[in-house]
Structures are given as C-alpha cells and as structure tokens.
C-alpha cells in the first residue's frame, strides 16, 4: 500500500512542477517581476500626479513614464 501512495505522490509532484523545476522557478520569478513592474508604474504615476497637482504640464509628465514594455 505504501508503494502505491508513493507513486501517487510522485505523479502529483511531477504535475505540479510545470515541465521541470528550473522552468517552474523561472516562471514564478518572471511572474513576481511582472507584478512588481506593474506596482512600480502605478505608484510612480500616482506620485507624479500628486506632485504636479493643478499644473498645466501634469498630463504630459504623467504620460511620459509609461510604455516600458
């Protein structure tokens, strides 16, 4: 019975790791980096918007920080 459970556990681990361990680590790291980029751009836009509140060039300055990707 223990042998059968070990096979099931090995199959589950193999399916959990998308293709192999290195690929999974790369995929997770890329996802975290992408989320960080989105958060950074959002915070930067909000920060510039609050610094340049009621300035005539605020839309130009705010639109200049996007388009990194």
N, C-alpha and C. Protein backbone atom coordinates (compact mmCIF):
# COMPACT_ATOMS: atom_id res chain seq x y z
N UNK A 1 0.82 -1.20 0.00
CA UNK A 1 0.00 0.00 0.00
C UNK A 1 0.87 1.26 0.00
N UNK A 2 1.95 1.23 0.72
CA UNK A 2 2.83 2.38 0.77
C UNK A 2 3.45 2.65 -0.59
N UNK A 3 3.74 1.61 -1.33
CA UNK A 3 4.33 1.77 -2.65
C UNK A 3 3.37 2.50 -3.59
N UNK A 4 2.11 2.17 -3.50
CA UNK A 4 1.09 2.81 -4.34
C UNK A 4 0.95 4.30 -4.00
N UNK A 5 1.00 4.65 -2.75
CA UNK A 5 0.91 6.06 -2.33
C UNK A 5 2.12 6.85 -2.79
N UNK A 6 3.27 6.20 -2.77
CA UNK A 6 4.48 6.87 -3.24
C UNK A 6 4.39 7.19 -4.72
N UNK A 7 3.79 6.29 -5.51
CA UNK A 7 3.60 6.55 -6.93
C UNK A 7 2.66 7.73 -7.14
N UNK A 8 1.59 7.79 -6.36
CA UNK A 8 0.64 8.89 -6.48
C UNK A 8 1.29 10.22 -6.11
N UNK A 9 2.09 10.22 -5.08
CA UNK A 9 2.78 11.43 -4.64
C UNK A 9 3.80 11.89 -5.69
N UNK A 10 4.50 10.96 -6.27
CA UNK A 10 5.47 11.30 -7.31
C UNK A 10 4.77 11.88 -8.54
N UNK A 11 3.62 11.31 -8.89
CA UNK A 11 2.86 11.82 -10.03
C UNK A 11 2.34 13.22 -9.74
N UNK A 12 1.88 13.47 -8.52
CA UNK A 12 1.40 14.79 -8.14
C UNK A 12 2.53 15.82 -8.20
N UNK A 13 3.70 15.47 -7.71
CA UNK A 13 4.85 16.38 -7.74
C UNK A 13 5.25 16.70 -9.18
N UNK A 14 5.20 15.69 -10.02
CA UNK A 14 5.59 15.88 -11.41
C UNK A 14 4.61 16.81 -12.12
N UNK A 15 3.34 16.69 -11.85
CA UNK A 15 2.35 17.56 -12.47
C UNK A 15 2.42 18.96 -11.89
N UNK A 16 2.77 19.09 -10.62
CA UNK A 16 2.85 20.41 -10.00
C UNK A 16 3.98 21.23 -10.60
N UNK A 17 5.09 20.63 -10.86
CA UNK A 17 6.22 21.31 -11.49
C UNK A 17 5.96 21.31 -12.99
N UNK A 18 5.57 22.42 -13.53
CA UNK A 18 5.04 22.54 -14.88
C UNK A 18 5.75 21.62 -15.88
N UNK A 19 7.00 21.84 -16.15
CA UNK A 19 7.76 20.92 -17.01
C UNK A 19 8.90 20.32 -16.21
N UNK A 20 9.70 21.20 -15.61
CA UNK A 20 10.73 20.74 -14.69
C UNK A 20 10.95 21.83 -13.65
N UNK A 21 11.77 21.58 -12.70
CA UNK A 21 11.94 22.51 -11.57
C UNK A 21 12.53 23.84 -12.02
N UNK A 22 13.49 23.81 -12.89
CA UNK A 22 14.12 25.05 -13.36
C UNK A 22 13.12 25.94 -14.09
N UNK A 23 12.28 25.33 -14.93
CA UNK A 23 11.28 26.09 -15.66
C UNK A 23 10.27 26.70 -14.68
N UNK A 24 9.87 25.97 -13.68
CA UNK A 24 8.92 26.47 -12.70
C UNK A 24 9.50 27.65 -11.93
N UNK A 25 10.75 27.56 -11.53
CA UNK A 25 11.40 28.66 -10.81
C UNK A 25 11.49 29.89 -11.71
N UNK A 26 11.83 29.70 -12.97
CA UNK A 26 11.89 30.80 -13.92
C UNK A 26 10.53 31.44 -14.10
N UNK A 27 9.48 30.64 -14.23
CA UNK A 27 8.12 31.13 -14.43
C UNK A 27 7.64 31.92 -13.22
N UNK A 28 7.88 31.41 -12.03
CA UNK A 28 7.46 32.10 -10.80
C UNK A 28 8.23 33.41 -10.65
N UNK A 29 9.52 33.40 -10.90
CA UNK A 29 10.31 34.62 -10.81
C UNK A 29 9.86 35.67 -11.81
N UNK A 30 9.55 35.25 -13.01
CA UNK A 30 9.06 36.17 -14.03
C UNK A 30 7.72 36.77 -13.64
N UNK A 31 6.86 35.98 -13.06
CA UNK A 31 5.55 36.47 -12.63
C UNK A 31 5.69 37.49 -11.51
N UNK A 32 6.55 37.22 -10.56
CA UNK A 32 6.78 38.16 -9.46
C UNK A 32 7.37 39.46 -9.99
N UNK A 33 8.30 39.37 -10.93
CA UNK A 33 8.90 40.56 -11.52
C UNK A 33 7.87 41.38 -12.27
N UNK A 34 7.00 40.73 -13.01
CA UNK A 34 5.95 41.43 -13.76
C UNK A 34 4.99 42.16 -12.82
N UNK A 35 4.60 41.52 -11.74
CA UNK A 35 3.73 42.17 -10.75
C UNK A 35 4.43 43.36 -10.12
N UNK A 36 5.72 43.22 -9.84
CA UNK A 36 6.49 44.34 -9.30
C UNK A 36 6.57 45.50 -10.26
N UNK A 37 6.73 45.22 -11.56
CA UNK A 37 6.75 46.28 -12.57
C UNK A 37 5.43 47.03 -12.62
N UNK A 38 4.33 46.30 -12.56
CA UNK A 38 3.01 46.93 -12.59
C UNK A 38 2.81 47.81 -11.35
N UNK A 39 3.18 47.30 -10.19
CA UNK A 39 3.05 48.09 -8.97
C UNK A 39 3.92 49.34 -9.01
N UNK A 40 5.14 49.20 -9.50
CA UNK A 40 6.04 50.34 -9.60
C UNK A 40 5.48 51.42 -10.52
N UNK A 41 5.00 51.04 -11.68
CA UNK A 41 4.46 52.02 -12.62
C UNK A 41 3.21 52.69 -12.06
N UNK A 42 2.38 51.95 -11.34
CA UNK A 42 1.18 52.53 -10.74
C UNK A 42 1.56 53.54 -9.67
N UNK A 43 2.47 53.17 -8.79
CA UNK A 43 2.90 54.08 -7.72
C UNK A 43 3.60 55.30 -8.30
N UNK A 44 4.41 55.12 -9.32
CA UNK A 44 5.10 56.25 -9.95
C UNK A 44 4.10 57.22 -10.57
N UNK A 45 3.09 56.70 -11.25
CA UNK A 45 2.07 57.55 -11.85
C UNK A 45 1.30 58.32 -10.78
N UNK A 46 0.92 57.66 -9.71
CA UNK A 46 0.21 58.34 -8.63
C UNK A 46 1.09 59.37 -7.94
N UNK A 47 2.36 59.07 -7.78
CA UNK A 47 3.28 60.00 -7.14
C UNK A 47 3.47 61.26 -7.98
N UNK A 48 3.68 61.08 -9.28
CA UNK A 48 3.82 62.24 -10.17
C UNK A 48 2.53 63.05 -10.20
N UNK A 49 1.42 62.35 -10.21
CA UNK A 49 0.13 63.05 -10.21
C UNK A 49 -0.09 63.89 -8.96
N UNK A 50 0.36 63.41 -7.83
CA UNK A 50 0.18 64.19 -6.60
C UNK A 50 1.19 65.34 -6.51
N UNK A 51 2.39 65.14 -7.05
CA UNK A 51 3.39 66.21 -7.03
C UNK A 51 3.00 67.37 -7.93
N UNK A 52 2.41 67.05 -9.06
CA UNK A 52 2.09 68.06 -10.06
C UNK A 52 0.61 68.41 -10.08
N UNK A 53 -0.01 68.35 -8.96
CA UNK A 53 -1.44 68.64 -8.85
C UNK A 53 -1.71 70.08 -9.30
N UNK A 54 -2.66 70.28 -10.20
CA UNK A 54 -3.08 71.58 -10.74
C UNK A 54 -1.99 72.29 -11.54
N UNK A 55 -1.07 71.55 -12.13
CA UNK A 55 -0.06 72.14 -13.02
C UNK A 55 -0.49 71.89 -14.47
N UNK A 56 -0.17 72.80 -15.35
CA UNK A 56 -0.60 72.66 -16.74
C UNK A 56 0.13 71.53 -17.47
N UNK A 57 1.34 71.18 -17.05
CA UNK A 57 2.12 70.13 -17.71
C UNK A 57 1.99 68.78 -17.02
N UNK A 58 1.08 68.66 -16.08
CA UNK A 58 0.90 67.39 -15.35
C UNK A 58 0.52 66.22 -16.27
N UNK A 59 -0.42 66.37 -17.22
CA UNK A 59 -0.73 65.24 -18.09
C UNK A 59 0.45 64.77 -18.94
N UNK A 60 1.26 65.72 -19.40
CA UNK A 60 2.43 65.35 -20.20
C UNK A 60 3.46 64.59 -19.35
N UNK A 61 3.70 65.06 -18.15
CA UNK A 61 4.66 64.39 -17.27
C UNK A 61 4.16 63.01 -16.84
N UNK A 62 2.88 62.90 -16.61
CA UNK A 62 2.32 61.61 -16.19
C UNK A 62 2.35 60.61 -17.34
N UNK A 63 2.07 61.04 -18.54
CA UNK A 63 2.05 60.11 -19.67
C UNK A 63 3.45 59.71 -20.10
N UNK A 64 4.47 60.45 -19.70
CA UNK A 64 5.83 60.14 -20.11
C UNK A 64 6.45 58.98 -19.38
N UNK A 65 5.87 58.50 -18.28
CA UNK A 65 6.50 57.43 -17.53
C UNK A 65 6.06 56.05 -17.97
N UNK A 66 5.05 55.93 -18.83
CA UNK A 66 4.53 54.64 -19.26
C UNK A 66 5.26 54.11 -20.48
N UNK A 67 4.80 52.97 -20.96
CA UNK A 67 5.34 52.41 -22.18
C UNK A 67 6.66 51.70 -22.03
N UNK A 68 6.98 51.17 -20.88
CA UNK A 68 8.26 50.48 -20.69
C UNK A 68 8.28 49.13 -21.39
N UNK A 69 7.16 48.45 -21.48
CA UNK A 69 7.11 47.11 -22.07
C UNK A 69 6.80 47.16 -23.50
